[in-house]
PDB file of N, CA and C in Angstrom:
ATOM      1  N   MET A   1       5.036  -6.510  19.399  1.00  0.00           N
ATOM      2  CA  MET A   1       5.355  -7.017  18.051  1.00  0.00           C
ATOM      3  C   MET A   1       4.420  -6.318  17.058  1.00  0.00           C
ATOM      4  N   LEU A   2       4.821  -5.866  15.887  1.00  0.00           N
ATOM      5  CA  LEU A   2       4.214  -5.254  15.001  1.00  0.00           C
ATOM      6  C   LEU A   2       3.196  -6.026  14.151  1.00  0.00           C
ATOM      7  N   SER A   3       2.095  -5.771  13.738  1.00  0.00           N
ATOM      8  CA  SER A   3       1.252  -6.475  12.858  1.00  0.00           C
ATOM      9  C   SER A   3       1.996  -6.301  11.498  1.00  0.00           C
ATOM     10  N   MET A   4       1.643  -7.084  10.401  1.00  0.00           N
ATOM     11  CA  MET A   4       2.167  -7.099   9.083  1.00  0.00           C
ATOM     12  C   MET A   4       1.790  -5.725   8.548  1.00  0.00           C
ATOM     13  N   LEU A   5       0.413  -5.303   8.654  1.00  0.00           N
ATOM     14  CA  LEU A   5       0.268  -3.919   8.199  1.00  0.00           C
ATOM     15  C   LEU A   5       0.973  -2.824   8.786  1.00  0.00           C
ATOM     16  N   GLU A   6       1.259  -2.823  10.114  1.00  0.00           N
ATOM     17  CA  GLU A   6       2.057  -1.802  10.590  1.00  0.00           C
ATOM     18  C   GLU A   6       3.542  -1.806  10.191  1.00  0.00           C
ATOM     19  N   TYR A   7       3.936  -3.101  10.030  1.00  0.00           N
ATOM     20  CA  TYR A   7       5.321  -3.414   9.505  1.00  0.00           C
ATOM     21  C   TYR A   7       5.481  -2.748   8.094  1.00  0.00           C
ATOM     22  N   ILE A   8       4.432  -3.038   7.072  1.00  0.00           N
ATOM     23  CA  ILE A   8       4.460  -2.532   5.827  1.00  0.00           C
ATOM     24  C   ILE A   8       4.497  -0.891   5.751  1.00  0.00           C
ATOM     25  N   LYS A   9       3.717  -0.366   6.650  1.00  0.00           N
ATOM     26  CA  LYS A   9       3.654   1.109   6.821  1.00  0.00           C
ATOM     27  C   LYS A   9       5.076   1.660   7.089  1.00  0.00           C
ATOM     28  N   THR A  10       5.762   0.910   8.103  1.00  0.00           N
ATOM     29  CA  THR A  10       7.001   1.299   8.433  1.00  0.00           C
ATOM     30  C   THR A  10       8.035   1.300   7.022  1.00  0.00           C
ATOM     31  N   ILE A  11       7.938   0.320   6.337  1.00  0.00           N
ATOM     32  CA  ILE A  11       8.786  -0.113   5.213  1.00  0.00           C
ATOM     33  C   ILE A  11       8.447   1.107   4.072  1.00  0.00           C
ATOM     34  N   LEU A  12       7.198   1.287   4.013  1.00  0.00           N
ATOM     35  CA  LEU A  12       6.706   2.424   2.865  1.00  0.00           C
ATOM     36  C   LEU A  12       7.310   3.800   3.339  1.00  0.00           C
ATOM     37  N   GLN A  13       7.281   4.089   4.538  1.00  0.00           N
ATOM     38  CA  GLN A  13       7.828   5.269   4.986  1.00  0.00           C
ATOM     39  C   GLN A  13       9.329   5.348   4.956  1.00  0.00           C
ATOM     40  N   LYS A  14      10.066   4.368   5.013  1.00  0.00           N
ATOM     41  CA  LYS A  14      11.461   4.398   4.923  1.00  0.00           C
ATOM     42  C   LYS A  14      11.945   4.375   3.411  1.00  0.00           C
ATOM     43  N   VAL A  15      11.038   3.817   2.394  1.00  0.00           N
ATOM     44  CA  VAL A  15      11.545   3.884   1.116  1.00  0.00           C
ATOM     45  C   VAL A  15      10.886   4.977   0.228  1.00  0.00           C
ATOM     46  N   SER A  16      10.198   5.837   0.930  1.00  0.00           N
ATOM     47  CA  SER A  16       9.241   6.789   0.158  1.00  0.00           C
ATOM     48  C   SER A  16      10.132   7.885  -0.519  1.00  0.00           C
ATOM     49  N   PHE A  17      11.464   7.880  -0.180  1.00  0.00           N
ATOM     50  CA  PHE A  17      12.313   8.814  -0.810  1.00  0.00           C
ATOM     51  C   PHE A  17      12.537   8.424  -2.419  1.00  0.00           C
ATOM     52  N   ASP A  18      12.316   7.039  -2.692  1.00  0.00           N
ATOM     53  CA  ASP A  18      12.488   6.666  -4.155  1.00  0.00           C
ATOM     54  C   ASP A  18      11.293   6.141  -4.754  1.00  0.00           C
ATOM     55  N   LYS A  19      10.689   6.848  -5.754  1.00  0.00           N
ATOM     56  CA  LYS A  19       9.530   6.432  -6.266  1.00  0.00           C
ATOM     57  C   LYS A  19       9.514   4.990  -6.780  1.00  0.00           C
ATOM     58  N   ALA A  20      10.480   4.405  -7.552  1.00  0.00           N
ATOM     59  CA  ALA A  20      10.517   3.050  -7.998  1.00  0.00           C
ATOM     60  C   ALA A  20      10.517   2.004  -6.824  1.00  0.00           C
ATOM     61  N   LEU A  21      11.368   2.314  -5.874  1.00  0.00           N
ATOM     62  CA  LEU A  21      11.387   1.301  -4.728  1.00  0.00           C
ATOM     63  C   LEU A  21      10.008   1.428  -4.009  1.00  0.00           C
ATOM     64  N   PHE A  22       9.539   2.571  -3.818  1.00  0.00           N
ATOM     65  CA  PHE A  22       8.125   2.746  -2.985  1.00  0.00           C
ATOM     66  C   PHE A  22       7.193   2.036  -3.864  1.00  0.00           C
ATOM     67  N   GLU A  23       7.023   2.087  -5.135  1.00  0.00           N
ATOM     68  CA  GLU A  23       6.065   1.235  -5.817  1.00  0.00           C
ATOM     69  C   GLU A  23       6.370  -0.330  -5.836  1.00  0.00           C
ATOM     70  N   LYS A  24       7.562  -0.652  -5.904  1.00  0.00           N
ATOM     71  CA  LYS A  24       7.794  -2.132  -5.717  1.00  0.00           C
ATOM     72  C   LYS A  24       7.449  -2.572  -4.282  1.00  0.00           C
ATOM     73  N   GLU A  25       7.615  -1.857  -3.350  1.00  0.00           N
ATOM     74  CA  GLU A  25       7.261  -2.163  -1.981  1.00  0.00           C
ATOM     75  C   GLU A  25       5.803  -2.220  -1.905  1.00  0.00           C
ATOM     76  N   LEU A  26       5.212  -1.258  -2.311  1.00  0.00           N
ATOM     77  CA  LEU A  26       3.820  -1.297  -2.168  1.00  0.00           C
ATOM     78  C   LEU A  26       3.065  -2.491  -2.926  1.00  0.00           C
ATOM     79  N   ALA A  27       3.425  -2.762  -4.226  1.00  0.00           N
ATOM     80  CA  ALA A  27       3.015  -3.962  -4.768  1.00  0.00           C
ATOM     81  C   ALA A  27       3.203  -5.248  -4.087  1.00  0.00           C
ATOM     82  N   LYS A  28       4.275  -5.321  -3.532  1.00  0.00           N
ATOM     83  CA  LYS A  28       4.683  -6.653  -2.759  1.00  0.00           C
ATOM     84  C   LYS A  28       3.737  -6.689  -1.464  1.00  0.00           C
ATOM     85  N   ALA A  29       3.561  -5.511  -0.875  1.00  0.00           N
ATOM     86  CA  ALA A  29       2.616  -5.385   0.339  1.00  0.00           C
ATOM     87  C   ALA A  29       1.213  -5.738  -0.029  1.00  0.00           C
ATOM     88  N   ILE A  30       0.829  -5.272  -1.146  1.00  0.00           N
ATOM     89  CA  ILE A  30      -0.728  -5.584  -1.576  1.00  0.00           C
ATOM     90  C   ILE A  30      -0.865  -7.129  -1.717  1.00  0.00           C
ATOM     91  N   LYS A  31       0.173  -7.788  -2.200  1.00  0.00           N
ATOM     92  CA  LYS A  31       0.159  -9.394  -2.312  1.00  0.00           C
ATOM     93  C   LYS A  31       0.040  -9.940  -1.031  1.00  0.00           C
ATOM     94  N   LEU A  32       0.541  -9.467   0.116  1.00  0.00           N
ATOM     95  CA  LEU A  32       0.703 -10.156   1.387  1.00  0.00           C
ATOM     96  C   LEU A  32      -0.437  -9.950   2.325  1.00  0.00           C
ATOM     97  N   LEU A  33      -1.236  -8.963   1.934  1.00  0.00           N
ATOM     98  CA  LEU A  33      -2.376  -8.514   2.945  1.00  0.00           C
ATOM     99  C   LEU A  33      -3.708  -9.090   2.516  1.00  0.00           C
ATOM    100  N   ILE A  34      -4.608  -9.224   3.501  1.00  0.00           N
ATOM    101  CA  ILE A  34      -5.951  -9.655   3.252  1.00  0.00           C
ATOM    102  C   ILE A  34      -6.746  -8.375   2.896  1.00  0.00           C
ATOM    103  N   PRO A  35      -7.850  -8.615   2.171  1.00  0.00           N
ATOM    104  CA  PRO A  35      -8.707  -7.589   1.629  1.00  0.00           C
ATOM    105  C   PRO A  35      -8.903  -6.326   2.653  1.00  0.00           C
ATOM    106  N   LYS A  36      -9.348  -6.703   3.926  1.00  0.00           N
ATOM    107  CA  LYS A  36      -9.640  -5.571   4.953  1.00  0.00           C
ATOM    108  C   LYS A  36      -8.287  -4.815   5.168  1.00  0.00           C
ATOM    109  N   GLU A  37      -7.097  -5.439   5.257  1.00  0.00           N
ATOM    110  CA  GLU A  37      -6.040  -4.775   5.417  1.00  0.00           C
ATOM    111  C   GLU A  37      -5.589  -3.997   4.216  1.00  0.00           C
ATOM    112  N   ILE A  38      -5.949  -4.362   3.032  1.00  0.00           N
ATOM    113  CA  ILE A  38      -5.522  -3.631   1.767  1.00  0.00           C
ATOM    114  C   ILE A  38      -6.360  -2.381   1.919  1.00  0.00           C
ATOM    115  N   LYS A  39      -7.582  -2.403   2.247  1.00  0.00           N
ATOM    116  CA  LYS A  39      -8.449  -1.178   2.386  1.00  0.00           C
ATOM    117  C   LYS A  39      -7.907  -0.275   3.337  1.00  0.00           C
ATOM    118  N   GLN A  40      -7.415  -0.653   4.498  1.00  0.00           N
ATOM    119  CA  GLN A  40      -6.876   0.104   5.396  1.00  0.00           C
ATOM    120  C   GLN A  40      -5.547   0.837   4.950  1.00  0.00           C
ATOM    121  N   LEU A  41      -4.608  -0.016   4.266  1.00  0.00           N
ATOM    122  CA  LEU A  41      -3.511   0.525   3.714  1.00  0.00           C
ATOM    123  C   LEU A  41      -3.633   1.597   2.630  1.00  0.00           C
ATOM    124  N   LYS A  42      -4.605   1.164   1.751  1.00  0.00           N
ATOM    125  CA  LYS A  42      -5.052   2.197   0.789  1.00  0.00           C
ATOM    126  C   LYS A  42      -5.358   3.635   1.392  1.00  0.00           C
ATOM    127  N   ARG A  43      -6.279   3.508   2.401  1.00  0.00           N
ATOM    128  CA  ARG A  43      -6.606   4.732   3.046  1.00  0.00           C
ATOM    129  C   ARG A  43      -5.321   5.491   3.694  1.00  0.00           C
ATOM    130  N   TRP A  44      -4.681   4.809   4.269  1.00  0.00           N
ATOM    131  CA  TRP A  44      -3.464   5.464   4.904  1.00  0.00           C
ATOM    132  C   TRP A  44      -2.409   6.008   4.020  1.00  0.00           C
ATOM    133  N   CYS A  45      -2.176   5.164   2.786  1.00  0.00           N
ATOM    134  CA  CYS A  45      -1.212   5.649   1.762  1.00  0.00           C
ATOM    135  C   CYS A  45      -1.759   6.868   1.110  1.00  0.00           C
ATOM    136  N   TYR A  46      -3.071   6.879   0.835  1.00  0.00           N
ATOM    137  CA  TYR A  46      -3.640   8.231   0.116  1.00  0.00           C
ATOM    138  C   TYR A  46      -3.335   9.356   1.180  1.00  0.00           C
ATOM    139  N   ALA A  47      -3.506   9.190   2.343  1.00  0.00           N
ATOM    140  CA  ALA A  47      -3.462  10.213   3.435  1.00  0.00           C
ATOM    141  C   ALA A  47      -1.805  10.699   3.474  1.00  0.00           C
ATOM    142  N   GLN A  48      -1.057   9.740   3.512  1.00  0.00           N
ATOM    143  CA  GLN A  48       0.277   9.888   3.724  1.00  0.00           C
ATOM    144  C   GLN A  48       1.010  10.305   2.568  1.00  0.00           C
ATOM    145  N   PHE A  49       0.841   9.819   1.373  1.00  0.00           N
ATOM    146  CA  PHE A  49       1.609   9.975   0.196  1.00  0.00           C
ATOM    147  C   PHE A  49       0.813  10.333  -1.141  1.00  0.00           C
ATOM    148  N   GLY A  50      -0.433  10.733  -0.990  1.00  0.00           N
ATOM    149  CA  GLY A  50      -1.382  11.086  -2.013  1.00  0.00           C
ATOM    150  C   GLY A  50      -0.819  12.281  -2.832  1.00  0.00           C
ATOM    151  N   LYS A  51      -0.278  13.169  -2.198  1.00  0.00           N
ATOM    152  CA  LYS A  51       0.262  14.474  -2.818  1.00  0.00           C
ATOM    153  C   LYS A  51       1.427  14.129  -3.861  1.00  0.00           C
ATOM    154  N   VAL A  52       2.324  13.300  -3.250  1.00  0.00           N
ATOM    155  CA  VAL A  52       3.588  12.849  -4.016  1.00  0.00           C
ATOM    156  C   VAL A  52       3.463  11.748  -4.925  1.00  0.00           C
ATOM    157  N   TYR A  53       2.793  10.685  -4.556  1.00  0.00           N
ATOM    158  CA  TYR A  53       2.730   9.428  -5.429  1.00  0.00           C
ATOM    159  C   TYR A  53       1.409   9.097  -5.842  1.00  0.00           C
ATOM    160  N   ARG A  54       0.458  10.051  -6.161  1.00  0.00           N
ATOM    161  CA  ARG A  54      -0.896   9.633  -6.526  1.00  0.00           C
ATOM    162  C   ARG A  54      -1.021   8.662  -7.617  1.00  0.00           C
ATOM    163  N   VAL A  55      -0.172   8.966  -8.628  1.00  0.00           N
ATOM    164  CA  VAL A  55       0.031   8.047  -9.971  1.00  0.00           C
ATOM    165  C   VAL A  55       0.384   6.719  -9.356  1.00  0.00           C
ATOM    166  N   VAL A  56       1.346   6.509  -8.580  1.00  0.00           N
ATOM    167  CA  VAL A  56       1.848   5.209  -8.163  1.00  0.00           C
ATOM    168  C   VAL A  56       0.747   4.375  -7.425  1.00  0.00           C
ATOM    169  N   LEU A  57       0.115   5.357  -6.519  1.00  0.00           N
ATOM    170  CA  LEU A  57      -0.974   4.718  -5.696  1.00  0.00           C
ATOM    171  C   LEU A  57      -2.108   4.132  -6.531  1.00  0.00           C
ATOM    172  N   ASN A  58      -2.497   4.878  -7.472  1.00  0.00           N
ATOM    173  CA  ASN A  58      -3.625   4.656  -8.339  1.00  0.00           C
ATOM    174  C   ASN A  58      -3.203   3.430  -9.139  1.00  0.00           C
ATOM    175  N   ARG A  59      -2.073   3.451  -9.731  1.00  0.00           N
ATOM    176  CA  ARG A  59      -1.735   2.198 -10.536  1.00  0.00           C
ATOM    177  C   ARG A  59      -1.660   1.021  -9.576  1.00  0.00           C
ATOM    178  N   CYS A  60      -1.070   0.969  -8.437  1.00  0.00           N
ATOM    179  CA  CYS A  60      -0.977  -0.123  -7.575  1.00  0.00           C
ATOM    180  C   CYS A  60      -2.319  -0.704  -6.914  1.00  0.00           C
ATOM    181  N   PHE A  61      -3.183   0.241  -6.530  1.00  0.00           N
ATOM    182  CA  PHE A  61      -4.373  -0.042  -5.993  1.00  0.00           C
ATOM    183  C   PHE A  61      -5.547  -0.433  -7.142  1.00  0.00           C
ATOM    184  N   THR A  62      -5.293  -0.172  -8.273  1.00  0.00           N
ATOM    185  CA  THR A  62      -6.219  -0.581  -9.298  1.00  0.00           C
ATOM    186  C   THR A  62      -6.044  -1.814  -9.822  1.00  0.00           C
ATOM    187  N   ARG A  63      -4.836  -2.464  -9.508  1.00  0.00           N
ATOM    188  CA  ARG A  63      -4.620  -3.899  -9.884  1.00  0.00           C
ATOM    189  C   ARG A  63      -5.152  -4.906  -8.874  1.00  0.00           C
ATOM    190  N   VAL A  64      -5.638  -4.387  -7.599  1.00  0.00           N
ATOM    191  CA  VAL A  64      -6.017  -5.206  -6.617  1.00  0.00           C
ATOM    192  C   VAL A  64      -7.416  -5.910  -7.102  1.00  0.00           C
ATOM    193  N   PRO A  65      -7.458  -7.157  -7.092  1.00  0.00           N
ATOM    194  CA  PRO A  65      -8.800  -7.887  -7.348  1.00  0.00           C
ATOM    195  C   PRO A  65      -9.853  -7.425  -6.326  1.00  0.00           C
ATOM    196  N   ARG A  66     -10.930  -7.315  -6.787  1.00  0.00           N
ATOM    197  CA  ARG A  66     -12.050  -7.044  -5.902  1.00  0.00           C
ATOM    198  C   ARG A  66     -12.651  -8.416  -5.429  1.00  0.00           C
ATOM    199  N   VAL A  67     -12.644  -8.484  -4.011  1.00  0.00           N
ATOM    200  CA  VAL A  67     -13.360  -9.684  -3.334  1.00  0.00           C
ATOM    201  C   VAL A  67     -14.628  -9.319  -2.801  1.00  0.00           C
ATOM    202  N   ARG A  68     -15.426 -10.327  -3.079  1.00  0.00           N
ATOM    203  CA  ARG A  68     -16.772 -10.119  -2.587  1.00  0.00           C
ATOM    204  C   ARG A  68     -17.068 -10.981  -1.369  1.00  0.00           C
ATOM    205  N   PHE A  69     -17.542 -10.530  -0.160  1.00  0.00           N
ATOM    206  CA  PHE A  69     -17.953 -11.414   0.666  1.00  0.00           C
ATOM    207  C   PHE A  69     -19.527 -11.631   0.741  1.00  0.00           C
ATOM    208  N   THR A  70     -19.690 -12.966   0.797  1.00  0.00           N
ATOM    209  CA  THR A  70     -21.146 -13.428   0.634  1.00  0.00           C
ATOM    210  C   THR A  70     -21.615 -14.045   1.923  1.00  0.00           C
TER     211      THR A  70
END
């Protein structure tokens, strides 16, 4: 069984042909994940799609609220 993060990666790869759909799915994914997973997703997204969708990635990941662990 896939983890939520792995499932999201699969979805993003499948919708990567369409910029608007990719951005919609990425924004939805960020809302579902915990901060640790968001950090992993961000790293993976920039490695996979950074050349094509850098603007979209910047826009989606700058909206992520910063969480501090104390």
